[in-house]
Amino acid sequence: MWRGGVVVPAHWWDGHPNFGDDLTPWLLPNYGVLPIHRVASRARLAGVGSILEFLPSDWEGVVWGSGLMHGEPHPLPKANVLAVRGHLTRELIGAPADVALGDPGILVSRLRSKPRQRWDVGLVPHGHHRQHAAFRALADTTGHRIRVVNVHQSAERVVREIAACASVITTSLHGLITADSYGIPAVWTTLDPPLGGGAFKFHDYESTITPGASRFVPFAPETTLGDLLRSATAAPNGAVEAVCDGLEAAAARLPDALEGAGRFPRDVLRVLAGLP
C-alpha cells in the first residue's frame, strides 16, 4: 500500500469538505493508495475534483481523474497524467491524446452494491446551495418520496443515499456522477450563488459520458419537480462502463507511478504515526 500526499482542495481549509473532495480518500485505498491530504506544492497525487489550478506549472506528481475549475489553459508539462476528468481538461493542460478520461467518482458502483430503493427522488444540492429556499421547496411536492441529500456527510453515506433514489436532481457534479454510476435517471441545474468556474466542470465530465449532449435544465422560481423530472435520463451504460474500465486501468498504474514521483516530506511518517 503506497502512502503519501494528495492535493488538498480549498474547501478542506474551512473544515467542511464537500462530497467530491471526500471521494479521493474513500476511493484510493481500493487501488493500493493510502492518501494523506497535503497542500498542492507538497503533494504527489491529484485525485478527484476541480483542483488542477492549484498545481504549479512545474509540478511533477501524478494526476488521476482530476479536472480544471475554469476553462482556461493551465499546462502541466512535467506531470505524469494517468487520467483526467474530460476532454476539455485534457486539452487545456496539454495531456496526451490517449490519456484515460473520466471522473473517478463514476467508480462508486464497482465498490458498493446498489441498495434497495427508498426514495422516488433525490435532491442533491451542492454545499453552496443547501439553504436555497426554492430548490429545497421541491421536497414538499406531494405524491413523491423525496430525499434531500446532505453532501457534507461522509462519502459512504452520500453514495448510499443517492443510490437508493429512483431519480436524481442535482446542482452537485458528483451527485450527477453517482447517479450515472448506478444507472439512475438524472438532471442537473444551476442556482445562485453560482459555483466557481460556472458549468465548465459539468461540460468537461459530459464530454466523456454524453458527448454532444447535456442533461442541464435551467431553474427558475416557478420550476416544478415535474419540469425537472421530465428531462431526467440515465447515462448510456456502455459509456459508463468504458470510462470505468479506463480509470481502473489507470489506477492499476498508480503505485508504480507514485513510487517514481519523488520522496515525500519526512513529516508524512509522523502523520501516519499519529504524532503532532
C-alpha atoms as a PDB file:
ATOM      1  CA  MET A   1       0.000   0.000   0.000  1.00  0.00           C
ATOM      2  CA  TRP A   2       1.562   3.285  -1.130  1.00  0.00           C
ATOM      3  CA  ARG A   3       1.252   6.091   1.444  1.00  0.00           C
ATOM      4  CA  GLY A   4       1.650   9.749   0.667  1.00  0.00           C
ATOM      5  CA  GLY A   5       0.251  13.187  -0.006  1.00  0.00           C
ATOM      6  CA  VAL A   6      -2.623  14.147  -2.277  1.00  0.00           C
ATOM      7  CA  VAL A   7      -3.678  17.655  -3.257  1.00  0.00           C
ATOM      8  CA  VAL A   8      -5.922  19.392  -0.730  1.00  0.00           C
ATOM      9  CA  PRO A   9      -8.923  21.192  -2.300  1.00  0.00           C
ATOM     10  CA  ALA A  10      -9.548  24.673  -0.939  1.00  0.00           C
ATOM     11  CA  HIS A  11     -12.760  23.501   0.796  1.00  0.00           C
ATOM     12  CA  TRP A  12     -10.704  21.459   3.273  1.00  0.00           C
ATOM     13  CA  TRP A  13      -9.296  24.581   4.859  1.00  0.00           C
ATOM     14  CA  ASP A  14     -12.726  25.733   6.117  1.00  0.00           C
ATOM     15  CA  GLY A  15     -13.379  22.405   7.826  1.00  0.00           C
ATOM     16  CA  HIS A  16     -16.328  21.494   5.578  1.00  0.00           C
ATOM     17  CA  PRO A  17     -15.212  19.210   2.762  1.00  0.00           C
ATOM     18  CA  ASN A  18     -17.808  18.775   0.042  1.00  0.00           C
ATOM     19  CA  PHE A  19     -18.804  15.347  -1.269  1.00  0.00           C
ATOM     20  CA  GLY A  20     -16.424  15.416  -4.241  1.00  0.00           C
ATOM     21  CA  ASP A  21     -13.496  16.358  -2.019  1.00  0.00           C
ATOM     22  CA  ASP A  22     -14.172  13.395   0.257  1.00  0.00           C
ATOM     23  CA  LEU A  23     -14.191  10.859  -2.578  1.00  0.00           C
ATOM     24  CA  THR A  24     -10.415  10.721  -3.048  1.00  0.00           C
ATOM     25  CA  PRO A  25      -9.601   9.238   0.398  1.00  0.00           C
ATOM     26  CA  TRP A  26     -12.622   6.941   0.097  1.00  0.00           C
ATOM     27  CA  LEU A  27     -11.717   5.560  -3.346  1.00  0.00           C
ATOM     28  CA  LEU A  28      -7.944   5.312  -3.366  1.00  0.00           C
ATOM     29  CA  PRO A  29      -7.368   2.593  -0.731  1.00  0.00           C
ATOM     30  CA  ASN A  30      -9.275   0.262  -3.062  1.00  0.00           C
ATOM     31  CA  TYR A  31      -6.488   0.787  -5.608  1.00  0.00           C
ATOM     32  CA  GLY A  32      -3.438   0.378  -3.407  1.00  0.00           C
ATOM     33  CA  VAL A  33      -3.011   4.010  -2.284  1.00  0.00           C
ATOM     34  CA  LEU A  34      -3.429   5.388   1.242  1.00  0.00           C
ATOM     35  CA  PRO A  35      -3.726   9.166   0.797  1.00  0.00           C
ATOM     36  CA  ILE A  36      -2.804  11.959   3.185  1.00  0.00           C
ATOM     37  CA  HIS A  37      -4.155  15.394   2.329  1.00  0.00           C
ATOM     38  CA  ARG A  38      -1.448  17.964   1.656  1.00  0.00           C
ATOM     39  CA  VAL A  39      -1.127  21.399   0.089  1.00  0.00           C
ATOM     40  CA  ALA A  40      -0.502  21.236  -3.653  1.00  0.00           C
ATOM     41  CA  SER A  41       3.165  22.194  -3.526  1.00  0.00           C
ATOM     42  CA  ARG A  42       3.953  19.235  -1.228  1.00  0.00           C
ATOM     43  CA  ALA A  43       1.642  16.617  -2.734  1.00  0.00           C
ATOM     44  CA  ARG A  44       2.479  13.961  -5.308  1.00  0.00           C
ATOM     45  CA  LEU A  45      -1.021  12.939  -6.370  1.00  0.00           C
ATOM     46  CA  ALA A  46      -4.042  14.864  -7.632  1.00  0.00           C
ATOM     47  CA  GLY A  47      -7.276  12.872  -7.458  1.00  0.00           C
ATOM     48  CA  VAL A  48     -10.984  13.691  -7.623  1.00  0.00           C
ATOM     49  CA  GLY A  49     -12.069  17.288  -8.063  1.00  0.00           C
ATOM     50  CA  SER A  50     -11.534  20.605  -9.831  1.00  0.00           C
ATOM     51  CA  ILE A  51      -8.066  21.022  -8.346  1.00  0.00           C
ATOM     52  CA  LEU A  52      -5.563  21.281 -11.180  1.00  0.00           C
ATOM     53  CA  GLU A  53      -5.348  25.080 -10.960  1.00  0.00           C
ATOM     54  CA  PHE A  54      -3.820  24.583  -7.504  1.00  0.00           C
ATOM     55  CA  LEU A  55      -0.797  22.908  -9.088  1.00  0.00           C
ATOM     56  CA  PRO A  56       2.230  24.985 -10.109  1.00  0.00           C
ATOM     57  CA  SER A  57       3.342  24.706 -13.734  1.00  0.00           C
ATOM     58  CA  ASP A  58       6.471  22.739 -12.757  1.00  0.00           C
ATOM     59  CA  TRP A  59       4.555  20.170 -10.662  1.00  0.00           C
ATOM     60  CA  GLU A  60       5.948  16.649 -11.194  1.00  0.00           C
ATOM     61  CA  GLY A  61       3.340  14.494  -9.483  1.00  0.00           C
ATOM     62  CA  VAL A  62       0.663  12.102 -10.750  1.00  0.00           C
ATOM     63  CA  VAL A  63      -2.814  13.066 -11.960  1.00  0.00           C
ATOM     64  CA  TRP A  64      -5.666  10.537 -11.728  1.00  0.00           C
ATOM     65  CA  GLY A  65      -9.040  11.824 -12.892  1.00  0.00           C
ATOM     66  CA  SER A  66      -8.669  15.445 -11.767  1.00  0.00           C
ATOM     67  CA  GLY A  67     -10.151  18.396 -13.628  1.00  0.00           C
ATOM     68  CA  LEU A  68      -9.846  22.126 -14.026  1.00  0.00           C
ATOM     69  CA  MET A  69     -12.327  24.510 -12.460  1.00  0.00           C
ATOM     70  CA  HIS A  70     -12.091  27.183 -15.158  1.00  0.00           C
ATOM     71  CA  GLY A  71     -11.958  26.740 -18.900  1.00  0.00           C
ATOM     72  CA  GLU A  72      -8.550  28.335 -19.261  1.00  0.00           C
ATOM     73  CA  PRO A  73      -5.192  26.823 -20.287  1.00  0.00           C
ATOM     74  CA  HIS A  74      -3.092  25.503 -17.412  1.00  0.00           C
ATOM     75  CA  PRO A  75      -0.224  23.450 -18.896  1.00  0.00           C
ATOM     76  CA  LEU A  76       1.375  20.826 -16.647  1.00  0.00           C
ATOM     77  CA  PRO A  77       4.200  19.570 -18.849  1.00  0.00           C
ATOM     78  CA  LYS A  78       6.085  17.719 -16.076  1.00  0.00           C
ATOM     79  CA  ALA A  79       3.092  15.920 -14.548  1.00  0.00           C
ATOM     80  CA  ASN A  80       2.556  12.201 -15.056  1.00  0.00           C
ATOM     81  CA  VAL A  81      -1.060  12.295 -16.254  1.00  0.00           C
ATOM     82  CA  LEU A  82      -2.746   8.889 -15.970  1.00  0.00           C
ATOM     83  CA  ALA A  83      -6.317  10.188 -16.288  1.00  0.00           C
ATOM     84  CA  VAL A  84      -8.237  13.460 -16.350  1.00  0.00           C
ATOM     85  CA  ARG A  85     -11.939  14.237 -15.931  1.00  0.00           C
ATOM     86  CA  GLY A  86     -12.736  15.049 -19.542  1.00  0.00           C
ATOM     87  CA  HIS A  87     -11.677  16.151 -22.999  1.00  0.00           C
ATOM     88  CA  LEU A  88     -11.768  19.847 -22.061  1.00  0.00           C
ATOM     89  CA  THR A  89      -9.319  19.442 -19.184  1.00  0.00           C
ATOM     90  CA  ARG A  90      -7.097  17.186 -21.294  1.00  0.00           C
ATOM     91  CA  GLU A  91      -6.752  19.848 -23.972  1.00  0.00           C
ATOM     92  CA  LEU A  92      -6.214  22.734 -21.547  1.00  0.00           C
ATOM     93  CA  ILE A  93      -3.411  21.062 -19.566  1.00  0.00           C
ATOM     94  CA  GLY A  94      -1.758  19.598 -22.655  1.00  0.00           C
ATOM     95  CA  ALA A  95      -2.182  15.936 -21.650  1.00  0.00           C
ATOM     96  CA  PRO A  96      -1.583  13.169 -24.221  1.00  0.00           C
ATOM     97  CA  ALA A  97      -4.453  12.321 -26.547  1.00  0.00           C
ATOM     98  CA  ASP A  98      -4.595   8.718 -25.307  1.00  0.00           C
ATOM     99  CA  VAL A  99      -4.865   9.527 -21.590  1.00  0.00           C
ATOM    100  CA  ALA A 100      -7.757   7.861 -19.743  1.00  0.00           C
ATOM    101  CA  LEU A 101     -10.820  10.084 -19.383  1.00  0.00           C
ATOM    102  CA  GLY A 102     -13.442  10.277 -16.655  1.00  0.00           C
ATOM    103  CA  ASP A 103     -14.116  11.342 -13.091  1.00  0.00           C
ATOM    104  CA  PRO A 104     -13.133   8.602 -10.605  1.00  0.00           C
ATOM    105  CA  GLY A 105     -16.408   9.178  -8.771  1.00  0.00           C
ATOM    106  CA  ILE A 106     -18.007   7.083 -11.503  1.00  0.00           C
ATOM    107  CA  LEU A 107     -16.367   4.018  -9.919  1.00  0.00           C
ATOM    108  CA  VAL A 108     -18.564   4.021  -6.813  1.00  0.00           C
ATOM    109  CA  SER A 109     -20.943   1.356  -8.139  1.00  0.00           C
ATOM    110  CA  ARG A 110     -17.991  -1.006  -8.632  1.00  0.00           C
ATOM    111  CA  LEU A 111     -17.133  -0.652  -4.964  1.00  0.00           C
ATOM    112  CA  ARG A 112     -20.604  -0.622  -3.367  1.00  0.00           C
ATOM    113  CA  SER A 113     -23.676  -2.559  -4.484  1.00  0.00           C
ATOM    114  CA  LYS A 114     -26.863  -0.651  -5.200  1.00  0.00           C
ATOM    115  CA  PRO A 115     -29.080  -0.610  -2.085  1.00  0.00           C
ATOM    116  CA  ARG A 116     -32.820  -1.129  -2.172  1.00  0.00           C
ATOM    117  CA  GLN A 117     -34.788   1.842  -3.456  1.00  0.00           C
ATOM    118  CA  ARG A 118     -36.075   4.061  -0.661  1.00  0.00           C
ATOM    119  CA  TRP A 119     -36.996   7.316  -2.388  1.00  0.00           C
ATOM    120  CA  ASP A 120     -38.575   8.347  -5.680  1.00  0.00           C
ATOM    121  CA  VAL A 121     -36.448  11.473  -5.996  1.00  0.00           C
ATOM    122  CA  GLY A 122     -33.124  12.548  -4.572  1.00  0.00           C
ATOM    123  CA  LEU A 123     -32.482  16.297  -4.421  1.00  0.00           C
ATOM    124  CA  VAL A 124     -28.712  16.796  -4.204  1.00  0.00           C
ATOM    125  CA  PRO A 125     -27.810  20.459  -3.736  1.00  0.00           C
ATOM    126  CA  HIS A 126     -24.146  21.438  -3.788  1.00  0.00           C
ATOM    127  CA  GLY A 127     -22.921  22.585  -0.399  1.00  0.00           C
ATOM    128  CA  HIS A 128     -23.249  26.221  -1.510  1.00  0.00           C
ATOM    129  CA  HIS A 129     -26.939  25.630  -2.305  1.00  0.00           C
ATOM    130  CA  ARG A 130     -28.065  23.666   0.732  1.00  0.00           C
ATOM    131  CA  GLN A 131     -30.132  26.610   2.013  1.00  0.00           C
ATOM    132  CA  HIS A 132     -31.609  27.595  -1.377  1.00  0.00           C
ATOM    133  CA  ALA A 133     -35.285  28.020  -0.492  1.00  0.00           C
ATOM    134  CA  ALA A 134     -36.848  27.446  -3.925  1.00  0.00           C
ATOM    135  CA  PHE A 135     -34.790  24.308  -4.579  1.00  0.00           C
ATOM    136  CA  ARG A 136     -35.488  22.849  -1.154  1.00  0.00           C
ATOM    137  CA  ALA A 137     -39.186  23.621  -1.639  1.00  0.00           C
ATOM    138  CA  LEU A 138     -39.257  20.940  -4.337  1.00  0.00           C
ATOM    139  CA  ALA A 139     -39.094  18.436  -1.477  1.00  0.00           C
ATOM    140  CA  ASP A 140     -42.618  19.475  -0.453  1.00  0.00           C
ATOM    141  CA  THR A 141     -44.118  18.187  -3.706  1.00  0.00           C
ATOM    142  CA  THR A 142     -46.895  15.756  -2.868  1.00  0.00           C
ATOM    143  CA  GLY A 143     -47.110  12.259  -4.275  1.00  0.00           C
ATOM    144  CA  HIS A 144     -43.365  11.548  -4.164  1.00  0.00           C
ATOM    145  CA  ARG A 145     -40.975  10.137  -1.596  1.00  0.00           C
ATOM    146  CA  ILE A 146     -38.235  12.767  -1.718  1.00  0.00           C
ATOM    147  CA  ARG A 147     -34.843  12.833  -0.018  1.00  0.00           C
ATOM    148  CA  VAL A 148     -32.726  15.994   0.276  1.00  0.00           C
ATOM    149  CA  VAL A 149     -29.183  14.606   0.371  1.00  0.00           C
ATOM    150  CA  ASN A 150     -26.692  16.416   2.581  1.00  0.00           C
ATOM    151  CA  VAL A 151     -23.363  16.391   0.718  1.00  0.00           C
ATOM    152  CA  HIS A 152     -21.481  17.238   3.922  1.00  0.00           C
ATOM    153  CA  GLN A 153     -21.968  13.721   5.235  1.00  0.00           C
ATOM    154  CA  SER A 154     -19.354  11.035   4.701  1.00  0.00           C
ATOM    155  CA  ALA A 155     -18.813   9.945   1.110  1.00  0.00           C
ATOM    156  CA  GLU A 156     -20.055   6.468   2.034  1.00  0.00           C
ATOM    157  CA  ARG A 157     -23.382   7.795   3.275  1.00  0.00           C
ATOM    158  CA  VAL A 158     -23.886  10.261   0.424  1.00  0.00           C
ATOM    159  CA  VAL A 159     -23.297   7.496  -2.116  1.00  0.00           C
ATOM    160  CA  ARG A 160     -25.685   5.163  -0.301  1.00  0.00           C
ATOM    161  CA  GLU A 161     -28.474   7.771  -0.177  1.00  0.00           C
ATOM    162  CA  ILE A 162     -28.153   8.782  -3.827  1.00  0.00           C
ATOM    163  CA  ALA A 163     -28.013   5.144  -4.922  1.00  0.00           C
ATOM    164  CA  ALA A 164     -31.289   4.480  -3.083  1.00  0.00           C
ATOM    165  CA  CYS A 165     -33.183   7.019  -5.234  1.00  0.00           C
ATOM    166  CA  ALA A 166     -35.165   6.295  -8.404  1.00  0.00           C
ATOM    167  CA  SER A 167     -34.163   9.633  -9.947  1.00  0.00           C
ATOM    168  CA  VAL A 168     -31.822  12.475  -9.062  1.00  0.00           C
ATOM    169  CA  ILE A 169     -31.954  16.267  -9.425  1.00  0.00           C
ATOM    170  CA  THR A 170     -28.682  17.938  -8.552  1.00  0.00           C
ATOM    171  CA  THR A 171     -26.529  21.042  -8.578  1.00  0.00           C
ATOM    172  CA  SER A 172     -23.559  18.937  -7.415  1.00  0.00           C
ATOM    173  CA  LEU A 173     -21.407  17.393 -10.139  1.00  0.00           C
ATOM    174  CA  HIS A 174     -20.727  14.322  -8.014  1.00  0.00           C
ATOM    175  CA  GLY A 175     -24.423  13.963  -7.367  1.00  0.00           C
ATOM    176  CA  LEU A 176     -24.796  13.569 -11.134  1.00  0.00           C
ATOM    177  CA  ILE A 177     -21.775  11.264 -11.385  1.00  0.00           C
ATOM    178  CA  THR A 178     -23.030   8.991  -8.601  1.00  0.00           C
ATOM    179  CA  ALA A 179     -26.429   8.715 -10.275  1.00  0.00           C
ATOM    180  CA  ASP A 180     -24.713   7.865 -13.569  1.00  0.00           C
ATOM    181  CA  SER A 181     -22.618   5.198 -11.889  1.00  0.00           C
ATOM    182  CA  TYR A 182     -25.765   3.393 -10.709  1.00  0.00           C
ATOM    183  CA  GLY A 183     -27.766   3.940 -13.899  1.00  0.00           C
ATOM    184  CA  ILE A 184     -30.196   6.345 -12.209  1.00  0.00           C
ATOM    185  CA  PRO A 185     -32.006   8.912 -14.405  1.00  0.00           C
ATOM    186  CA  ALA A 186     -30.661  12.346 -13.505  1.00  0.00           C
ATOM    187  CA  VAL A 187     -30.759  16.001 -14.426  1.00  0.00           C
ATOM    188  CA  TRP A 188     -28.593  18.911 -13.292  1.00  0.00           C
ATOM    189  CA  THR A 189     -29.270  22.584 -12.878  1.00  0.00           C
ATOM    190  CA  THR A 190     -27.611  25.738 -11.550  1.00  0.00           C
ATOM    191  CA  LEU A 191     -28.576  28.045  -8.704  1.00  0.00           C
ATOM    192  CA  ASP A 192     -27.353  31.202  -7.014  1.00  0.00           C
ATOM    193  CA  PRO A 193     -24.723  31.639  -5.776  1.00  0.00           C
ATOM    194  CA  PRO A 194     -23.023  30.348  -8.921  1.00  0.00           C
ATOM    195  CA  LEU A 195     -20.272  27.805  -8.405  1.00  0.00           C
ATOM    196  CA  GLY A 196     -16.682  28.756  -9.086  1.00  0.00           C
ATOM    197  CA  GLY A 197     -15.933  28.106 -12.729  1.00  0.00           C
ATOM    198  CA  GLY A 198     -19.619  28.011 -13.635  1.00  0.00           C
ATOM    199  CA  ALA A 199     -20.742  24.975 -15.622  1.00  0.00           C
ATOM    200  CA  PHE A 200     -17.278  24.131 -17.002  1.00  0.00           C
ATOM    201  CA  LYS A 201     -16.770  21.041 -14.843  1.00  0.00           C
ATOM    202  CA  PHE A 202     -20.171  19.639 -15.834  1.00  0.00           C
ATOM    203  CA  HIS A 203     -19.429  20.088 -19.538  1.00  0.00           C
ATOM    204  CA  ASP A 204     -15.961  18.588 -19.046  1.00  0.00           C
ATOM    205  CA  TYR A 205     -17.460  15.491 -17.417  1.00  0.00           C
ATOM    206  CA  GLU A 206     -20.246  15.229 -20.004  1.00  0.00           C
ATOM    207  CA  SER A 207     -17.672  15.228 -22.804  1.00  0.00           C
ATOM    208  CA  THR A 208     -16.831  11.665 -21.771  1.00  0.00           C
ATOM    209  CA  ILE A 209     -20.280  10.322 -20.844  1.00  0.00           C
ATOM    210  CA  THR A 210     -22.767  12.130 -23.094  1.00  0.00           C
ATOM    211  CA  PRO A 211     -20.592  13.819 -25.748  1.00  0.00           C
ATOM    212  CA  GLY A 212     -22.526  16.442 -27.671  1.00  0.00           C
ATOM    213  CA  ALA A 213     -25.480  16.306 -25.257  1.00  0.00           C
ATOM    214  CA  SER A 214     -26.318  17.664 -21.815  1.00  0.00           C
ATOM    215  CA  ARG A 215     -28.912  16.953 -19.155  1.00  0.00           C
ATOM    216  CA  PHE A 216     -28.896  20.560 -17.962  1.00  0.00           C
ATOM    217  CA  VAL A 217     -32.263  22.209 -17.269  1.00  0.00           C
ATOM    218  CA  PRO A 218     -32.489  25.882 -16.224  1.00  0.00           C
ATOM    219  CA  PHE A 219     -34.045  26.532 -12.812  1.00  0.00           C
ATOM    220  CA  ALA A 220     -36.465  29.358 -12.058  1.00  0.00           C
ATOM    221  CA  PRO A 221     -38.662  30.057  -9.035  1.00  0.00           C
ATOM    222  CA  GLU A 222     -41.657  28.664 -10.904  1.00  0.00           C
ATOM    223  CA  THR A 223     -39.857  25.451 -11.933  1.00  0.00           C
ATOM    224  CA  THR A 224     -41.672  22.378 -10.655  1.00  0.00           C
ATOM    225  CA  LEU A 225     -40.424  18.959  -9.708  1.00  0.00           C
ATOM    226  CA  GLY A 226     -42.251  17.566 -12.745  1.00  0.00           C
ATOM    227  CA  ASP A 227     -40.482  20.026 -15.055  1.00  0.00           C
ATOM    228  CA  LEU A 228     -37.134  18.687 -13.924  1.00  0.00           C
ATOM    229  CA  LEU A 229     -38.043  15.012 -13.817  1.00  0.00           C
ATOM    230  CA  ARG A 230     -39.269  15.074 -17.421  1.00  0.00           C
ATOM    231  CA  SER A 231     -35.688  15.779 -18.509  1.00  0.00           C
ATOM    232  CA  ALA A 232     -34.029  13.186 -16.261  1.00  0.00           C
ATOM    233  CA  THR A 233     -32.312  10.389 -18.187  1.00  0.00           C
ATOM    234  CA  ALA A 234     -29.760   7.736 -17.313  1.00  0.00           C
ATOM    235  CA  ALA A 235     -26.259   7.931 -18.769  1.00  0.00           C
ATOM    236  CA  PRO A 236     -25.539   5.394 -21.529  1.00  0.00           C
ATOM    237  CA  ASN A 237     -24.396   2.213 -19.811  1.00  0.00           C
ATOM    238  CA  GLY A 238     -21.770   1.477 -22.458  1.00  0.00           C
ATOM    239  CA  ALA A 239     -20.145   4.879 -21.964  1.00  0.00           C
ATOM    240  CA  VAL A 240     -20.126   4.485 -18.183  1.00  0.00           C
ATOM    241  CA  GLU A 241     -18.544   1.028 -18.347  1.00  0.00           C
ATOM    242  CA  ALA A 242     -15.892   2.168 -20.824  1.00  0.00           C
ATOM    243  CA  VAL A 243     -14.941   5.126 -18.612  1.00  0.00           C
ATOM    244  CA  CYS A 244     -14.801   2.877 -15.524  1.00  0.00           C
ATOM    245  CA  ASP A 245     -12.559   0.392 -17.325  1.00  0.00           C
ATOM    246  CA  GLY A 246     -10.180   3.154 -18.383  1.00  0.00           C
ATOM    247  CA  LEU A 247      -9.998   4.660 -14.897  1.00  0.00           C
ATOM    248  CA  GLU A 248      -9.363   1.304 -13.263  1.00  0.00           C
ATOM    249  CA  ALA A 249      -6.617   0.528 -15.769  1.00  0.00           C
ATOM    250  CA  ALA A 250      -5.043   3.879 -14.892  1.00  0.00           C
ATOM    251  CA  ALA A 251      -5.496   3.168 -11.169  1.00  0.00           C
ATOM    252  CA  ALA A 252      -3.569  -0.079 -11.552  1.00  0.00           C
ATOM    253  CA  ARG A 253      -0.590   2.025 -12.581  1.00  0.00           C
ATOM    254  CA  LEU A 254      -0.793   4.333  -9.565  1.00  0.00           C
ATOM    255  CA  PRO A 255       1.523   2.524  -7.113  1.00  0.00           C
ATOM    256  CA  ASP A 256       4.360   2.294  -9.637  1.00  0.00           C
ATOM    257  CA  ALA A 257       3.807   5.844 -10.901  1.00  0.00           C
ATOM    258  CA  LEU A 258       3.822   7.241  -7.373  1.00  0.00           C
ATOM    259  CA  GLU A 259       6.986   5.402  -6.388  1.00  0.00           C
ATOM    260  CA  GLY A 260       8.682   7.319  -9.182  1.00  0.00           C
ATOM    261  CA  ALA A 261       7.154  10.666  -8.273  1.00  0.00           C
ATOM    262  CA  GLY A 262       9.753  11.594  -5.671  1.00  0.00           C
ATOM    263  CA  ARG A 263      10.058  11.123  -1.934  1.00  0.00           C
ATOM    264  CA  PHE A 264       7.664  12.732   0.481  1.00  0.00           C
ATOM    265  CA  PRO A 265       8.339  15.181   3.276  1.00  0.00           C
ATOM    266  CA  ARG A 266       9.666  13.474   6.376  1.00  0.00           C
ATOM    267  CA  ASP A 267       6.685  14.574   8.454  1.00  0.00           C
ATOM    268  CA  VAL A 268       4.413  12.251   6.457  1.00  0.00           C
ATOM    269  CA  LEU A 269       5.691   9.447   8.694  1.00  0.00           C
ATOM    270  CA  ARG A 270       4.739  11.466  11.752  1.00  0.00           C
ATOM    271  CA  VAL A 271       1.206  11.926  10.424  1.00  0.00           C
ATOM    272  CA  LEU A 272       0.921   8.173   9.789  1.00  0.00           C
ATOM    273  CA  ALA A 273       2.103   7.526  13.330  1.00  0.00           C
ATOM    274  CA  GLY A 274      -0.446   9.962  14.760  1.00  0.00           C
ATOM    275  CA  LEU A 275       2.254  12.301  16.054  1.00  0.00           C
ATOM    276  CA  PRO A 276       1.922  16.106  16.147  1.00  0.00           C
END
